[in-house]
Amino acid sequence: MSNVPRPNQGPAPIAELRADVRADPPSQLKNVLFDKDSSLVLSTPYLGWRPVDTVDPEPAKVSLTQRVLLYVFASRCTLANDAQSRHLFGNNNILTFALNGNAWARILNEYVRSGLLSEPIAELPTLLKAVQALTFDNPNNLVILGNDLLRGEEFDRQRVEGSPAVAARQAAPAARTRETRNSPRPSQAAEAVPVLPGDPAAQAIPFEAGPANLRFLTYLTLEVLYRPEASAPLAALSRLAWLAGDCLTRESRVSPICLPQLTVSVLRPNLERRVFSGVGGGNDAAIAVQLPEFLLSLQLPAIWQIGALEPPRVLADLTDTIRYCFGTAEDRRAVETSRLRSTTR
């Protein structure tokens, strides 16, 4: 009889979520892995979970991008206030910021324990609304610490000693001096040998700049985006993650059709028109300072939100939102008419 559950014991506790960011090379996007049969995965198929190759007897895994996790779950998080963490927050921006698996497990388990999945949630807009309405059992689990951070590739590439290209540049003169009877000192040899096109040493350039039109995003550090007094202190970070897309690598930022390039081409001129009375009216730093509040002002009424996550739909959603918020009555009616076919609410 002792093994028979009592009627008032309630439902069995939900298993702890496990999250992992595998030790990938710096060129990878640091996607987050979860067990395929975990409660969060089974409850949110619309987030775009992707299968991951595993080796037996490892449980089946799926992954989600850092960008989607930040967009959906980061807005209610807060930032630690110790000096080391604040230093790291002030040196990470939307193009470099990611969280490790331990941080995501801690944050998402707090959402689940606090009842996020207690009722079925059938679509992304409803999930976003539930995230904002939730009361947490232990808000300390949502504090982001300095040692939670992972870092994407730098916006500007700085060549360093020890890289293959620099090693090639240093080895070339040494090989040539062995062929001469009166070998010069290494420093003299290095000065005497030019770098020619096609030579591996030509890659040993000291500096390579990131895309100029995205540079203003580097001013948007976590501290600039943080509003500690708000109910959603990192809402601006969350919205920016949605618009910037998977941008943790240099390669993901340079293509003319990548999401950050497309959204910035719409976002920046509209901000400049609203804040500076004309396109080109603000420098990078001024645009960055104004962007968080501008992002938070871009909000469609709940009934017209469709929960876009794919890059083409994100761009269309941004365009519709700007048109709705700042356009004419005819513009708003056009957005509403187009979205009547995309919502059941």
Protein backbone atom coordinates (compact mmCIF):
# COMPACT_ATOMS: atom_id res chain seq x y z
CA MET A 1 0.00 0.00 0.00
CA SER A 2 2.89 2.34 0.64
CA ASN A 3 3.62 2.47 -3.11
CA VAL A 4 0.11 3.59 -4.07
CA PRO A 5 0.10 7.36 -4.83
CA ARG A 6 -2.26 9.43 -2.76
CA PRO A 7 -4.96 11.34 -4.67
CA ASN A 8 -3.60 14.74 -3.63
CA GLN A 9 -0.04 14.10 -4.81
CA GLY A 10 -0.71 15.92 -8.10
CA PRO A 11 1.00 15.34 -11.47
CA ALA A 12 4.50 13.95 -11.71
CA PRO A 13 7.23 16.62 -11.83
CA ILE A 14 8.50 17.64 -15.28
CA ALA A 15 11.97 16.33 -16.04
CA GLU A 16 14.80 18.86 -15.99
CA LEU A 17 15.78 20.26 -19.37
CA ARG A 18 19.33 19.65 -20.49
CA ALA A 19 21.01 22.05 -22.88
CA ASP A 20 24.40 21.84 -24.53
CA VAL A 21 26.49 23.98 -26.88
CA ARG A 22 29.10 21.70 -28.35
CA ALA A 23 32.73 22.77 -28.55
CA ASP A 24 32.63 23.92 -32.17
CA PRO A 25 35.30 25.92 -33.99
CA PRO A 26 34.93 29.71 -33.76
CA SER A 27 33.28 29.76 -37.20
CA GLN A 28 30.19 27.95 -35.94
CA LEU A 29 26.92 29.57 -34.84
CA LYS A 30 26.83 27.95 -31.37
CA ASN A 31 23.40 26.36 -31.76
CA VAL A 32 21.94 24.90 -28.57
CA LEU A 33 21.13 21.18 -28.32
CA PHE A 34 18.25 19.63 -26.37
CA ASP A 35 16.87 16.11 -25.92
CA LYS A 36 14.27 15.51 -28.61
CA ASP A 37 11.63 14.27 -26.15
CA SER A 38 12.03 17.11 -23.61
CA SER A 39 8.92 19.00 -22.53
CA LEU A 40 9.93 22.30 -24.14
CA VAL A 41 10.67 20.69 -27.50
CA LEU A 42 7.43 18.70 -27.59
CA SER A 43 5.37 21.75 -26.59
CA THR A 44 6.81 24.25 -29.11
CA PRO A 45 7.16 22.63 -32.56
CA TYR A 46 6.68 26.06 -34.19
CA LEU A 47 10.08 27.30 -32.94
CA GLY A 48 11.87 25.46 -35.74
CA TRP A 49 13.73 22.70 -33.90
CA ARG A 50 16.18 20.86 -36.16
CA PRO A 51 17.38 17.24 -35.79
CA VAL A 52 21.01 16.72 -34.83
CA ASP A 53 23.19 13.72 -35.66
CA THR A 54 24.05 11.76 -32.53
CA VAL A 55 25.98 8.61 -31.70
CA ASP A 56 24.35 5.69 -29.84
CA PRO A 57 23.56 5.44 -26.96
CA GLU A 58 23.20 9.25 -26.83
CA PRO A 59 19.53 10.35 -26.75
CA ALA A 60 18.09 11.84 -29.93
CA LYS A 61 18.82 15.57 -30.07
CA VAL A 62 17.40 18.65 -31.72
CA SER A 63 18.86 22.14 -31.88
CA LEU A 64 17.70 25.74 -31.86
CA THR A 65 19.67 28.83 -32.79
CA GLN A 66 20.88 31.30 -30.20
CA ARG A 67 18.90 33.97 -32.06
CA VAL A 68 15.53 32.23 -31.60
CA LEU A 69 16.20 31.45 -27.93
CA LEU A 70 17.20 35.05 -27.24
CA TYR A 71 14.15 36.38 -29.05
CA VAL A 72 11.68 34.20 -27.18
CA PHE A 73 13.20 33.83 -23.71
CA ALA A 74 15.82 36.53 -23.02
CA SER A 75 13.56 39.55 -22.52
CA ARG A 76 12.72 38.70 -18.89
CA CYS A 77 16.35 38.01 -17.94
CA THR A 78 18.50 40.43 -15.93
CA LEU A 79 22.25 41.09 -15.88
CA ALA A 80 24.55 40.38 -12.96
CA ASN A 81 26.02 43.50 -11.35
CA ASP A 82 29.49 42.35 -10.30
CA ALA A 83 32.46 44.13 -11.84
CA GLN A 84 33.72 41.21 -13.93
CA SER A 85 30.30 40.52 -15.44
CA ARG A 86 29.67 44.21 -16.14
CA HIS A 87 33.00 44.40 -17.97
CA LEU A 88 32.01 41.45 -20.18
CA PHE A 89 28.53 42.87 -20.82
CA GLY A 90 30.08 46.16 -21.89
CA ASN A 91 32.29 44.35 -24.41
CA ASN A 92 29.68 42.08 -26.02
CA ASN A 93 27.15 43.23 -28.59
CA ILE A 94 24.38 41.55 -30.56
CA LEU A 95 26.93 40.35 -33.15
CA THR A 96 29.06 38.49 -30.58
CA PHE A 97 26.72 37.61 -27.69
CA ALA A 98 25.64 34.02 -27.00
CA LEU A 99 24.97 31.90 -23.90
CA ASN A 100 26.39 28.50 -22.98
CA GLY A 101 24.35 25.37 -22.35
CA ASN A 102 24.38 25.68 -18.56
CA ALA A 103 22.88 29.17 -18.78
CA TRP A 104 20.12 28.10 -21.15
CA ALA A 105 19.29 25.06 -19.02
CA ARG A 106 19.02 27.23 -15.89
CA ILE A 107 16.88 29.88 -17.59
CA LEU A 108 14.55 27.51 -19.41
CA ASN A 109 14.06 25.23 -16.41
CA GLU A 110 12.92 28.30 -14.46
CA TYR A 111 10.35 29.06 -17.15
CA VAL A 112 9.06 25.50 -17.05
CA ARG A 113 9.00 25.23 -13.24
CA SER A 114 7.13 28.54 -13.08
CA GLY A 115 4.33 27.12 -15.23
CA LEU A 116 5.04 28.26 -18.78
CA LEU A 117 3.96 24.89 -20.18
CA SER A 118 1.09 24.27 -17.78
CA GLU A 119 -1.38 24.99 -20.60
CA PRO A 120 -0.97 24.13 -24.30
CA ILE A 121 0.45 26.98 -26.39
CA ALA A 122 -0.25 26.49 -30.06
CA GLU A 123 1.62 29.37 -31.72
CA LEU A 124 4.55 31.73 -31.27
CA PRO A 125 2.61 34.98 -30.55
CA THR A 126 0.78 33.24 -27.70
CA LEU A 127 4.09 31.91 -26.33
CA LEU A 128 5.62 35.39 -26.40
CA LYS A 129 2.61 36.74 -24.53
CA ALA A 130 2.85 33.96 -21.93
CA VAL A 131 6.55 34.70 -21.39
CA GLN A 132 5.73 38.32 -20.58
CA ALA A 133 2.89 37.40 -18.19
CA LEU A 134 4.75 34.72 -16.20
CA THR A 135 5.57 35.11 -12.49
CA PHE A 136 8.79 33.29 -11.66
CA ASP A 137 9.33 31.04 -8.65
CA ASN A 138 13.02 31.96 -8.46
CA PRO A 139 13.94 35.04 -10.55
CA ASN A 140 17.61 34.60 -9.62
CA ASN A 141 17.75 31.78 -12.17
CA LEU A 142 17.18 34.38 -14.86
CA VAL A 143 20.22 36.47 -13.91
CA ILE A 144 22.82 36.27 -16.69
CA LEU A 145 26.35 35.97 -15.29
CA GLY A 146 29.65 36.80 -16.88
CA ASN A 147 30.65 33.13 -17.02
CA ASP A 148 27.43 32.30 -18.92
CA LEU A 149 28.70 34.07 -22.02
CA LEU A 150 30.00 32.58 -25.24
CA ARG A 151 31.53 34.89 -27.84
CA GLY A 152 31.04 34.90 -31.58
CA GLU A 153 33.60 36.04 -34.11
CA GLU A 154 34.83 39.60 -33.80
CA PHE A 155 33.38 42.26 -36.07
CA ASP A 156 36.87 43.34 -37.18
CA ARG A 157 39.50 40.67 -37.71
CA GLN A 158 42.88 41.42 -36.11
CA ARG A 159 45.71 39.17 -37.28
CA VAL A 160 47.80 37.86 -34.41
CA GLU A 161 51.21 36.27 -34.02
CA GLY A 162 51.03 32.51 -34.37
CA SER A 163 48.36 32.43 -37.09
CA PRO A 164 49.23 30.30 -40.16
CA ALA A 165 49.41 33.36 -42.39
CA VAL A 166 51.76 35.22 -40.08
CA ALA A 167 53.88 32.09 -39.67
CA ALA A 168 54.14 31.79 -43.46
CA ARG A 169 55.26 35.41 -43.69
CA GLN A 170 57.94 34.89 -41.06
CA ALA A 171 59.17 31.58 -42.52
CA ALA A 172 59.65 32.86 -46.07
CA PRO A 173 62.66 35.15 -45.40
CA ALA A 174 64.30 32.59 -43.12
CA ALA A 175 64.23 29.98 -45.91
CA ARG A 176 65.79 32.42 -48.37
CA THR A 177 68.60 33.51 -46.03
CA ARG A 178 69.82 29.91 -45.72
CA GLU A 179 70.72 30.08 -49.40
CA THR A 180 73.18 32.95 -48.93
CA ARG A 181 76.67 32.90 -47.43
CA ASN A 182 76.25 36.09 -45.39
CA SER A 183 72.83 35.58 -43.83
CA PRO A 184 71.29 38.81 -42.53
CA ARG A 185 69.58 39.00 -39.16
CA PRO A 186 65.93 37.80 -39.18
CA SER A 187 64.54 41.31 -38.78
CA GLN A 188 66.60 42.52 -41.76
CA ALA A 189 65.47 39.59 -43.86
CA ALA A 190 61.84 40.23 -43.04
CA GLU A 191 62.15 43.81 -44.22
CA ALA A 192 63.87 42.79 -47.45
CA VAL A 193 61.28 40.29 -48.72
CA PRO A 194 58.12 41.77 -50.29
CA VAL A 195 54.71 40.15 -50.00
CA LEU A 196 53.53 39.28 -53.50
CA PRO A 197 49.97 38.50 -54.68
CA GLY A 198 49.32 34.77 -54.43
CA ASP A 199 51.96 34.30 -51.75
CA PRO A 200 50.47 32.68 -48.57
CA ALA A 201 52.09 35.52 -46.69
CA ALA A 202 49.74 37.93 -48.45
CA GLN A 203 47.03 36.74 -46.07
CA ALA A 204 48.97 38.08 -43.09
CA ILE A 205 47.32 41.48 -43.20
CA PRO A 206 47.13 43.32 -39.88
CA PHE A 207 43.44 44.23 -39.99
CA GLU A 208 40.21 43.35 -41.80
CA ALA A 209 37.15 45.51 -41.17
CA GLY A 210 33.61 44.21 -40.79
CA PRO A 211 30.72 45.46 -42.98
CA ALA A 212 30.55 49.24 -42.64
CA ASN A 213 26.73 49.38 -42.68
CA LEU A 214 26.53 47.05 -39.65
CA ARG A 215 29.17 48.82 -37.57
CA PHE A 216 26.60 50.79 -35.56
CA LEU A 217 25.40 47.46 -34.12
CA THR A 218 28.74 47.06 -32.35
CA TYR A 219 27.81 50.03 -30.15
CA LEU A 220 24.76 48.11 -28.91
CA THR A 221 26.40 46.29 -26.04
CA LEU A 222 24.34 44.42 -23.47
CA GLU A 223 24.60 47.38 -21.10
CA VAL A 224 23.26 49.80 -23.72
CA LEU A 225 20.28 47.49 -24.36
CA TYR A 226 19.57 46.83 -20.66
CA ARG A 227 16.60 48.45 -18.87
CA PRO A 228 16.84 47.10 -15.28
CA GLU A 229 13.72 48.92 -14.09
CA ALA A 230 11.46 47.34 -16.73
CA SER A 231 9.40 44.16 -16.34
CA ALA A 232 11.26 42.86 -19.40
CA PRO A 233 14.77 44.32 -18.89
CA LEU A 234 16.25 42.82 -22.05
CA ALA A 235 13.28 43.34 -24.36
CA ALA A 236 15.39 45.48 -26.73
CA LEU A 237 18.03 42.72 -26.92
CA SER A 238 15.27 40.21 -27.63
CA ARG A 239 13.82 42.29 -30.49
CA LEU A 240 17.27 42.97 -31.93
CA ALA A 241 18.14 39.26 -31.85
CA TRP A 242 15.00 38.61 -33.91
CA LEU A 243 16.03 41.20 -36.51
CA ALA A 244 19.77 40.50 -36.62
CA GLY A 245 19.37 36.77 -37.12
CA ASP A 246 22.17 34.24 -36.85
CA CYS A 247 25.02 36.74 -36.95
CA LEU A 248 27.72 35.21 -34.73
CA THR A 249 30.16 34.65 -37.60
CA ARG A 250 31.81 37.06 -40.00
CA GLU A 251 30.49 35.02 -42.92
CA SER A 252 26.90 35.38 -41.68
CA ARG A 253 27.17 39.21 -41.72
CA VAL A 254 28.59 40.00 -45.16
CA SER A 255 26.21 38.54 -47.77
CA PRO A 256 23.89 41.18 -49.28
CA ILE A 257 20.93 38.85 -48.67
CA CYS A 258 21.74 37.80 -45.09
CA LEU A 259 19.14 38.81 -42.51
CA PRO A 260 21.15 41.52 -40.67
CA GLN A 261 21.96 43.25 -43.97
CA LEU A 262 18.32 43.16 -45.08
CA THR A 263 16.77 44.32 -41.82
CA VAL A 264 19.31 47.11 -41.27
CA SER A 265 18.56 48.41 -44.78
CA VAL A 266 14.95 48.93 -43.62
CA LEU A 267 15.47 49.74 -39.96
CA ARG A 268 18.14 52.43 -40.07
CA PRO A 269 16.64 54.83 -42.66
CA ASN A 270 13.26 54.67 -40.94
CA LEU A 271 14.86 55.49 -37.58
CA GLU A 272 16.79 58.37 -39.16
CA ARG A 273 13.62 59.81 -40.66
CA ARG A 274 11.76 59.63 -37.33
CA VAL A 275 14.55 60.82 -35.03
CA PHE A 276 16.88 62.93 -37.19
CA SER A 277 14.38 64.28 -39.75
CA GLY A 278 16.08 62.67 -42.71
CA VAL A 279 18.15 59.73 -43.93
CA GLY A 280 21.82 60.19 -43.08
CA GLY A 281 21.03 62.49 -40.19
CA GLY A 282 22.85 60.54 -37.47
CA ASN A 283 26.27 58.93 -37.07
CA ASP A 284 26.73 55.32 -35.92
CA ALA A 285 26.91 56.11 -32.21
CA ALA A 286 23.83 58.36 -32.31
CA ILE A 287 21.84 55.72 -34.19
CA ALA A 288 22.86 53.07 -31.65
CA VAL A 289 21.74 55.21 -28.71
CA GLN A 290 18.30 55.78 -30.27
CA LEU A 291 17.74 52.25 -31.57
CA PRO A 292 16.60 50.43 -28.37
CA GLU A 293 13.58 52.71 -27.78
CA PHE A 294 12.80 52.73 -31.49
CA LEU A 295 12.75 48.92 -31.52
CA LEU A 296 10.40 48.79 -28.55
CA SER A 297 8.04 51.23 -30.26
CA LEU A 298 7.66 48.89 -33.24
CA GLN A 299 4.79 46.66 -32.15
CA LEU A 300 1.76 45.40 -34.02
CA PRO A 301 -1.49 44.83 -32.13
CA ALA A 302 -1.61 41.25 -30.85
CA ILE A 303 -4.34 40.21 -33.27
CA TRP A 304 -2.12 40.95 -36.28
CA GLN A 305 1.04 39.24 -35.05
CA ILE A 306 1.90 36.07 -36.97
CA GLY A 307 5.12 34.91 -35.30
CA ALA A 308 7.68 35.15 -38.11
CA LEU A 309 11.01 33.35 -37.62
CA GLU A 310 12.23 32.56 -41.15
CA PRO A 311 14.41 35.40 -42.54
CA PRO A 312 12.11 36.41 -45.46
CA ARG A 313 9.11 36.55 -43.10
CA VAL A 314 11.07 38.50 -40.48
CA LEU A 315 11.88 41.15 -43.10
CA ALA A 316 8.25 41.26 -44.25
CA ASP A 317 7.07 41.51 -40.64
CA LEU A 318 9.45 44.40 -39.96
CA THR A 319 8.29 46.23 -43.08
CA ASP A 320 4.61 45.72 -42.19
CA THR A 321 5.20 46.85 -38.61
CA ILE A 322 6.91 50.08 -39.67
CA ARG A 323 4.16 50.71 -42.20
CA TYR A 324 1.48 50.11 -39.56
CA CYS A 325 3.13 52.22 -36.85
CA PHE A 326 4.15 55.20 -38.98
CA GLY A 327 2.03 55.04 -42.12
CA THR A 328 -1.36 56.43 -43.08
CA ALA A 329 -4.77 54.98 -42.30
CA GLU A 330 -4.66 53.35 -45.74
CA ASP A 331 -1.30 51.76 -44.89
CA ARG A 332 -2.71 50.29 -41.69
CA ARG A 333 -5.77 48.96 -43.48
CA ALA A 334 -3.53 47.32 -46.11
CA VAL A 335 -1.48 45.56 -43.42
CA GLU A 336 -4.63 44.36 -41.66
CA THR A 337 -6.14 43.07 -44.90
CA SER A 338 -2.98 41.16 -45.83
CA ARG A 339 -2.83 39.56 -42.38
CA LEU A 340 -6.44 38.45 -42.28
CA ARG A 341 -5.33 35.47 -44.35
CA SER A 342 -2.49 34.63 -41.91
CA THR A 343 -4.22 34.50 -38.54
CA THR A 344 -6.99 32.51 -36.90
CA ARG A 345 -7.32 34.96 -34.01
